[in-house]
Amino acid sequence: MLRTRSASDRSKGILLGLTLALSSAVSYAENIDLIGLNIGGAAFSGNVIPGKYKTNYFFPAPGYLAEWKAKGIETIRFPIMWERLQPALNAELDEDYAELIDQTLQQAAEYDMRVILDIHNYARYRKQIIGTEAVPISAYADLLERVAKRWKDEKGLYAYDIMNEPHGADEYWPAAAQAGIDAIRKHDQKRPLLIEGNFWSSSYRWPKFNDPLLQLKDPSDKLIFSAHLYIDKHGSGHYKEPLAKNFDTMLGVKRVKPFIDWLIEHDKQGHIGEFGIPADEPRYLEAMDNLLAYLQEHCIPITYWAAGSSWGKYKLSVEPTKDGRDRPQWDVLSKYVGQGECTRIGPKH
């Protein structure tokens, strides 16, 4: 027999539906992953173009990402090289290199991980700056349109980092970034876009160089500004100088604070795309701990630089040793994996 629902029944149904929807939304929102890794290899040997696969550059072997997923890592930033992906401006993508990216994204999806696809080119193509006659902004937009068109439906793709560490491109980068945003949005309206800043995306110098990026427009309103920081003497990440006796273990916090203050002032979301330290100095490890605690407090995600099975003896590597031992950096990182009560990407203020 058909039963006519009363107004009370309908109200209860509506309330139940709203409760379930809100519960689902909160559950999704709380899944802000604050600790990720850069997985290096595909952009190695930048001076050897195109280079030879498994000799000059490398991609994750089958099953590699499962090892990090088992440790709690769910987000990876994956640097790729424009010249290998697109051997000539405005041309078709190189199918061999693109298929290796396919495989990486599919491997990430298999292990329920997510990839930030990073164009690791410093606002350059074959050493020529985007925006100059040699590399028109339209050619950069062409690349990103092809990237979005090819990978927009990949489950393993989380976000696009549209350019690594622009520098020497102050007058061109804001216009190029806007062109890149527009190009991606022709095909992919749902994924976040990570926007790095001039002067190597330095967090410490961010406010000095990157106010023009405040004019960027995204029709999907999903821009996340992404800064880098290192705590060696010159902030380069080379760590060539001996550590000073008076080294301040709050240096990482001090170098990231100008960026976070800028985000708060302008009500923008932020991310730290690169940070890394050598393993052999306890004061660096303490400074890293202080930085990660500060970032967690502000709900700012970070991807550590770097992991990957092809780094060899690289001193910032967090890749386990050949005999399976974890690096000292991982002991600090692992404290923050899966932690933080963040319902959205910060900063919280």
Protein backbone atom coordinates (compact mmCIF):
# COMPACT_ATOMS: atom_id res chain seq x y z
CA MET A 1 0.00 0.00 0.00
CA LEU A 2 1.31 3.46 -0.84
CA ARG A 3 1.86 5.67 2.17
CA THR A 4 1.72 9.43 1.94
CA ARG A 5 4.55 11.00 3.91
CA SER A 6 3.53 13.54 6.52
CA ALA A 7 5.15 16.96 6.78
CA SER A 8 6.87 15.71 9.93
CA ASP A 9 8.31 12.72 8.07
CA ARG A 10 9.50 14.92 5.25
CA SER A 11 11.19 17.29 7.71
CA LYS A 12 12.93 14.39 9.41
CA GLY A 13 14.12 13.12 6.04
CA ILE A 14 15.46 16.52 5.07
CA LEU A 15 17.25 16.89 8.40
CA LEU A 16 18.73 13.40 8.08
CA GLY A 17 19.93 14.20 4.56
CA LEU A 18 21.50 17.46 5.70
CA THR A 19 23.18 15.72 8.63
CA LEU A 20 24.68 13.06 6.37
CA ALA A 21 25.80 15.63 3.83
CA LEU A 22 27.40 17.83 6.49
CA SER A 23 29.05 14.80 8.09
CA SER A 24 30.48 13.78 4.72
CA ALA A 25 31.68 17.30 4.03
CA VAL A 26 33.38 17.58 7.41
CA SER A 27 34.98 14.17 6.96
CA TYR A 28 36.38 15.22 3.60
CA ALA A 29 37.44 18.66 4.85
CA GLU A 30 39.33 17.20 7.78
CA ASN A 31 41.50 15.15 5.45
CA ILE A 32 44.08 17.91 5.01
CA ASP A 33 47.35 16.10 4.48
CA LEU A 34 50.09 18.24 6.04
CA ILE A 35 53.18 16.11 5.32
CA GLY A 36 54.16 14.98 1.83
CA LEU A 37 57.34 14.23 -0.09
CA ASN A 38 59.01 15.31 -3.30
CA ILE A 39 59.87 12.19 -5.30
CA GLY A 40 62.84 13.13 -7.46
CA GLY A 41 64.19 11.55 -10.62
CA ALA A 42 62.17 12.55 -13.68
CA ALA A 43 63.77 16.02 -13.81
CA PHE A 44 67.35 14.89 -13.11
CA SER A 45 70.25 15.88 -15.42
CA GLY A 46 68.78 19.13 -16.62
CA ASN A 47 71.83 19.78 -18.77
CA VAL A 48 71.32 16.54 -20.69
CA ILE A 49 68.32 16.99 -22.97
CA PRO A 50 66.49 14.82 -23.68
CA GLY A 51 68.72 12.35 -21.86
CA LYS A 52 68.28 8.62 -21.53
CA TYR A 53 65.67 6.99 -19.31
CA LYS A 54 67.21 5.05 -16.39
CA THR A 55 70.57 6.66 -17.11
CA ASN A 56 69.98 10.43 -16.89
CA TYR A 57 66.49 10.48 -15.43
CA PHE A 58 64.27 8.07 -13.52
CA PHE A 59 60.65 7.36 -12.66
CA PRO A 60 59.29 5.38 -9.69
CA ALA A 61 59.53 1.63 -10.21
CA PRO A 62 56.31 -0.40 -9.97
CA GLY A 63 55.29 -0.66 -6.34
CA TYR A 64 57.69 2.02 -5.15
CA LEU A 65 54.98 4.39 -3.87
CA ALA A 66 53.51 1.59 -1.74
CA GLU A 67 56.60 1.78 0.47
CA TRP A 68 55.83 5.39 1.36
CA LYS A 69 52.10 4.80 1.67
CA ALA A 70 52.91 2.15 4.28
CA LYS A 71 54.69 4.89 6.25
CA GLY A 72 51.63 7.16 6.05
CA ILE A 73 52.64 9.37 3.11
CA GLU A 74 49.71 10.18 0.83
CA THR A 75 50.84 13.28 -1.09
CA ILE A 76 53.81 13.53 -3.41
CA ARG A 77 55.12 16.45 -5.40
CA PHE A 78 56.50 15.07 -8.63
CA PRO A 79 58.96 17.25 -10.61
CA ILE A 80 58.96 16.81 -14.39
CA MET A 81 60.98 18.57 -17.10
CA TRP A 82 59.27 20.67 -19.78
CA GLU A 83 61.94 19.99 -22.43
CA ARG A 84 61.52 16.23 -22.07
CA LEU A 85 57.74 16.38 -22.05
CA GLN A 86 57.52 18.79 -25.00
CA PRO A 87 60.72 18.66 -27.09
CA ALA A 88 59.67 21.69 -29.20
CA LEU A 89 57.51 24.64 -28.24
CA ASN A 90 53.85 24.31 -29.24
CA ALA A 91 54.47 20.73 -30.36
CA GLU A 92 52.88 17.44 -29.36
CA LEU A 93 53.96 15.89 -26.08
CA ASP A 94 56.70 13.27 -26.19
CA GLU A 95 54.73 10.07 -25.88
CA ASP A 96 57.43 8.02 -24.13
CA TYR A 97 57.93 10.58 -21.37
CA ALA A 98 54.20 11.23 -21.09
CA GLU A 99 53.49 7.51 -20.71
CA LEU A 100 55.95 7.36 -17.81
CA ILE A 101 53.97 10.16 -16.16
CA ASP A 102 50.80 8.16 -16.88
CA GLN A 103 52.29 5.21 -15.04
CA THR A 104 53.29 7.33 -12.05
CA LEU A 105 49.81 8.81 -11.72
CA GLN A 106 48.25 5.37 -12.07
CA GLN A 107 50.57 3.95 -9.43
CA ALA A 108 49.56 6.77 -7.08
CA ALA A 109 45.89 6.02 -7.70
CA GLU A 110 46.50 2.32 -7.07
CA TYR A 111 47.76 3.10 -3.57
CA ASP A 112 45.22 5.86 -2.91
CA MET A 113 47.90 8.55 -3.05
CA ARG A 114 47.83 11.90 -4.82
CA VAL A 115 50.32 13.70 -7.01
CA ILE A 116 51.17 17.37 -7.35
CA LEU A 117 52.52 17.55 -10.90
CA ASP A 118 55.37 20.07 -10.85
CA ILE A 119 56.75 21.76 -13.98
CA HIS A 120 60.32 21.95 -12.65
CA ASN A 121 61.73 24.60 -15.00
CA TYR A 122 62.50 27.83 -13.10
CA ALA A 123 60.37 29.91 -15.56
CA ARG A 124 62.61 28.77 -18.41
CA TYR A 125 62.66 26.58 -21.49
CA ARG A 126 66.08 25.56 -22.78
CA LYS A 127 67.52 28.24 -20.44
CA GLN A 128 65.44 31.04 -22.01
CA ILE A 129 63.00 32.93 -19.77
CA ILE A 130 59.26 32.65 -20.35
CA GLY A 131 57.98 35.96 -21.73
CA THR A 132 61.02 36.71 -23.85
CA GLU A 133 61.03 36.44 -27.63
CA ALA A 134 62.59 32.97 -27.46
CA VAL A 135 59.82 31.57 -25.21
CA PRO A 136 56.53 33.45 -25.65
CA ILE A 137 54.00 33.24 -22.85
CA SER A 138 51.65 31.63 -25.36
CA ALA A 139 54.07 28.68 -25.67
CA TYR A 140 54.01 28.14 -21.91
CA ALA A 141 50.20 28.28 -21.97
CA ASP A 142 50.24 25.71 -24.78
CA LEU A 143 52.22 23.31 -22.58
CA LEU A 144 49.84 23.63 -19.63
CA GLU A 145 46.78 23.25 -21.81
CA ARG A 146 48.19 19.99 -23.19
CA VAL A 147 49.09 18.82 -19.67
CA ALA A 148 45.59 19.48 -18.33
CA LYS A 149 43.91 17.96 -21.37
CA ARG A 150 45.92 14.74 -21.05
CA TRP A 151 45.77 14.19 -17.29
CA LYS A 152 42.56 15.89 -16.13
CA ASP A 153 40.78 12.56 -15.63
CA GLU A 154 43.58 10.79 -13.76
CA LYS A 155 42.47 9.81 -10.28
CA GLY A 156 46.04 10.06 -8.98
CA LEU A 157 46.42 13.72 -9.96
CA TYR A 158 45.72 16.08 -7.06
CA ALA A 159 47.05 19.46 -8.20
CA TYR A 160 49.24 21.30 -10.70
CA ASP A 161 52.34 23.18 -9.52
CA ILE A 162 52.49 25.38 -12.61
CA MET A 163 56.20 26.33 -12.36
CA ASN A 164 59.07 25.60 -10.00
CA GLU A 165 61.10 28.50 -8.56
CA PRO A 166 60.73 31.34 -11.07
CA HIS A 167 63.66 33.73 -10.88
CA GLY A 168 65.02 36.53 -13.01
CA ALA A 169 61.53 36.72 -14.45
CA ASP A 170 59.97 39.40 -12.28
CA GLU A 171 58.44 41.41 -15.12
CA TYR A 172 57.10 38.33 -16.93
CA TRP A 173 56.04 35.83 -14.30
CA PRO A 174 52.67 37.30 -13.18
CA ALA A 175 51.39 37.45 -16.77
CA ALA A 176 52.77 33.99 -17.51
CA ALA A 177 51.15 32.58 -14.37
CA GLN A 178 47.79 34.02 -15.36
CA ALA A 179 48.14 32.51 -18.83
CA GLY A 180 48.97 29.17 -17.24
CA ILE A 181 45.92 29.34 -14.97
CA ASP A 182 43.67 30.15 -17.92
CA ALA A 183 45.17 27.33 -20.01
CA ILE A 184 44.59 24.67 -17.35
CA ARG A 185 41.07 25.87 -16.64
CA LYS A 186 40.06 25.24 -20.24
CA HIS A 187 40.14 21.53 -19.40
CA ASP A 188 40.30 21.10 -15.62
CA GLN A 189 38.16 23.26 -13.37
CA LYS A 190 38.35 21.18 -10.20
CA ARG A 191 41.96 20.74 -9.15
CA PRO A 192 44.01 23.20 -7.07
CA LEU A 193 46.74 25.22 -8.77
CA LEU A 194 49.96 25.81 -6.83
CA ILE A 195 51.51 29.15 -7.67
CA GLU A 196 55.18 29.70 -6.86
CA GLY A 197 56.75 33.14 -6.61
CA ASN A 198 59.64 35.09 -8.00
CA PHE A 199 63.10 34.92 -6.37
CA TRP A 200 63.13 31.11 -6.31
CA SER A 201 59.80 31.15 -4.46
CA SER A 202 61.65 32.12 -1.26
CA SER A 203 59.32 32.23 1.75
CA TYR A 204 61.56 34.76 3.49
CA ARG A 205 61.58 37.17 0.55
CA TRP A 206 58.07 36.43 -0.66
CA PRO A 207 56.45 39.75 0.35
CA LYS A 208 59.19 41.75 -1.38
CA PHE A 209 58.79 40.08 -4.78
CA ASN A 210 55.30 38.68 -5.07
CA ASP A 211 52.59 41.24 -4.41
CA PRO A 212 51.83 41.26 -8.18
CA LEU A 213 50.58 37.68 -7.82
CA LEU A 214 47.66 39.03 -5.78
CA GLN A 215 46.11 40.11 -9.08
CA LEU A 216 45.86 36.53 -10.37
CA LYS A 217 42.34 35.32 -11.11
CA ASP A 218 41.15 31.75 -11.02
CA PRO A 219 37.54 31.10 -12.09
CA SER A 220 37.55 28.01 -9.85
CA ASP A 221 38.98 29.96 -6.88
CA LYS A 222 41.50 27.23 -6.05
CA LEU A 223 44.85 28.99 -6.03
CA ILE A 224 47.36 27.93 -3.38
CA PHE A 225 50.57 29.94 -3.11
CA SER A 226 53.59 27.70 -2.68
CA ALA A 227 56.89 28.88 -1.18
CA HIS A 228 60.25 27.15 -0.60
CA LEU A 229 62.71 27.49 2.25
CA TYR A 230 66.02 26.04 3.36
CA ILE A 231 67.98 26.89 6.50
CA ASP A 232 71.58 26.92 5.32
CA LYS A 233 73.44 30.23 5.42
CA HIS A 234 72.21 31.57 2.07
CA GLY A 235 68.91 29.67 1.92
CA SER A 236 69.96 27.86 -1.26
CA GLY A 237 69.59 24.30 0.00
CA HIS A 238 73.21 23.47 -0.85
CA TYR A 239 74.37 23.39 2.78
CA LYS A 240 77.99 23.99 1.84
CA GLU A 241 79.05 26.10 4.83
CA PRO A 242 79.78 24.64 8.28
CA LEU A 243 77.00 25.23 10.76
CA ALA A 244 77.68 28.30 12.90
CA LYS A 245 78.14 27.82 16.64
CA ASN A 246 75.34 30.31 17.29
CA PHE A 247 72.90 28.67 14.85
CA ASP A 248 69.30 29.54 15.77
CA THR A 249 67.06 26.48 15.79
CA MET A 250 64.08 28.80 15.19
CA LEU A 251 65.56 29.86 11.85
CA GLY A 252 63.06 27.85 9.81
CA VAL A 253 60.17 29.52 11.61
CA LYS A 254 61.74 32.93 11.08
CA ARG A 255 62.25 32.26 7.37
CA VAL A 256 58.70 31.07 6.78
CA LYS A 257 56.94 33.70 8.90
CA PRO A 258 57.04 36.51 6.28
CA PHE A 259 55.24 34.23 3.83
CA ILE A 260 52.61 33.17 6.36
CA ASP A 261 52.08 36.77 7.49
CA TRP A 262 51.57 37.73 3.81
CA LEU A 263 48.99 34.96 3.41
CA ILE A 264 47.14 36.11 6.51
CA GLU A 265 47.20 39.75 5.44
CA HIS A 266 45.73 38.94 2.03
CA ASP A 267 43.49 36.02 3.07
CA LYS A 268 45.23 33.48 0.83
CA GLN A 269 46.04 29.80 1.24
CA GLY A 270 49.61 28.55 1.37
CA HIS A 271 51.89 25.56 1.00
CA ILE A 272 55.60 24.82 1.38
CA GLY A 273 56.72 22.96 -1.71
CA GLU A 274 60.34 22.37 -0.68
CA PHE A 275 62.26 22.14 2.57
CA GLY A 276 65.11 19.82 3.46
CA ILE A 277 68.12 19.43 5.73
CA PRO A 278 71.21 17.23 6.00
CA ALA A 279 70.94 14.32 8.42
CA ASP A 280 74.21 14.75 10.29
CA GLU A 281 73.53 17.75 12.51
CA PRO A 282 71.15 17.57 15.51
CA ARG A 283 70.56 21.32 15.48
CA TYR A 284 69.18 21.12 11.94
CA LEU A 285 66.86 18.35 13.09
CA GLU A 286 65.69 20.47 16.00
CA ALA A 287 65.11 23.40 13.66
CA MET A 288 63.08 21.14 11.36
CA ASP A 289 60.98 19.98 14.30
CA ASN A 290 60.28 23.59 15.28
CA LEU A 291 59.32 24.46 11.70
CA LEU A 292 56.96 21.52 11.28
CA ALA A 293 55.24 22.31 14.57
CA TYR A 294 54.75 25.92 13.43
CA LEU A 295 53.38 24.86 10.05
CA GLN A 296 51.01 22.36 11.66
CA GLU A 297 49.76 25.07 13.99
CA HIS A 298 48.89 27.16 10.94
CA CYS A 299 47.59 24.23 8.82
CA ILE A 300 50.20 24.78 6.11
CA PRO A 301 51.08 21.58 4.17
CA ILE A 302 54.68 20.84 3.29
CA THR A 303 56.37 18.44 0.86
CA TYR A 304 59.85 17.53 2.08
CA TRP A 305 62.77 17.71 -0.37
CA ALA A 306 63.41 14.94 -1.14
CA ALA A 307 62.81 11.22 -1.56
CA GLY A 308 63.36 8.90 -4.51
CA SER A 309 65.38 5.75 -5.03
CA SER A 310 67.90 7.40 -7.41
CA TRP A 311 69.37 10.10 -5.16
CA GLY A 312 72.36 8.06 -4.07
CA LYS A 313 74.30 9.90 -1.35
CA TYR A 314 72.36 13.19 -1.65
CA LYS A 315 72.58 14.66 1.83
CA LEU A 316 69.00 15.93 2.05
CA SER A 317 67.50 12.60 0.98
CA VAL A 318 64.96 11.00 3.27
CA GLU A 319 65.04 7.75 1.28
CA PRO A 320 65.78 4.78 3.56
CA THR A 321 69.31 3.40 3.34
CA LYS A 322 70.03 0.30 1.24
CA ASP A 323 69.84 -1.86 4.34
CA GLY A 324 66.38 -0.45 5.14
CA ARG A 325 67.23 1.99 7.93
CA ASP A 326 65.24 5.22 8.16
CA ARG A 327 67.08 8.51 7.88
CA PRO A 328 67.19 10.87 10.87
CA GLN A 329 65.01 13.36 8.94
CA TRP A 330 62.25 10.76 8.77
CA ASP A 331 62.26 10.41 12.55
CA VAL A 332 61.22 14.06 12.73
CA LEU A 333 58.85 14.03 9.75
CA SER A 334 57.03 10.93 10.93
CA LYS A 335 55.95 12.70 14.13
CA TYR A 336 53.72 14.95 12.02
CA VAL A 337 52.41 12.48 9.42
CA GLY A 338 48.64 12.20 9.75
CA GLN A 339 48.58 14.81 12.51
CA GLY A 340 46.94 18.23 12.80
CA GLU A 341 43.28 19.12 13.13
CA CYS A 342 42.88 21.12 9.93
CA THR A 343 39.57 21.50 8.16
CA ARG A 344 41.08 23.58 5.37
CA ILE A 345 44.49 24.58 4.05
CA GLY A 346 45.76 27.47 6.15
CA PRO A 347 47.01 29.66 7.52
CA LYS A 348 44.67 29.60 10.49
CA HIS A 349 44.27 33.01 12.07
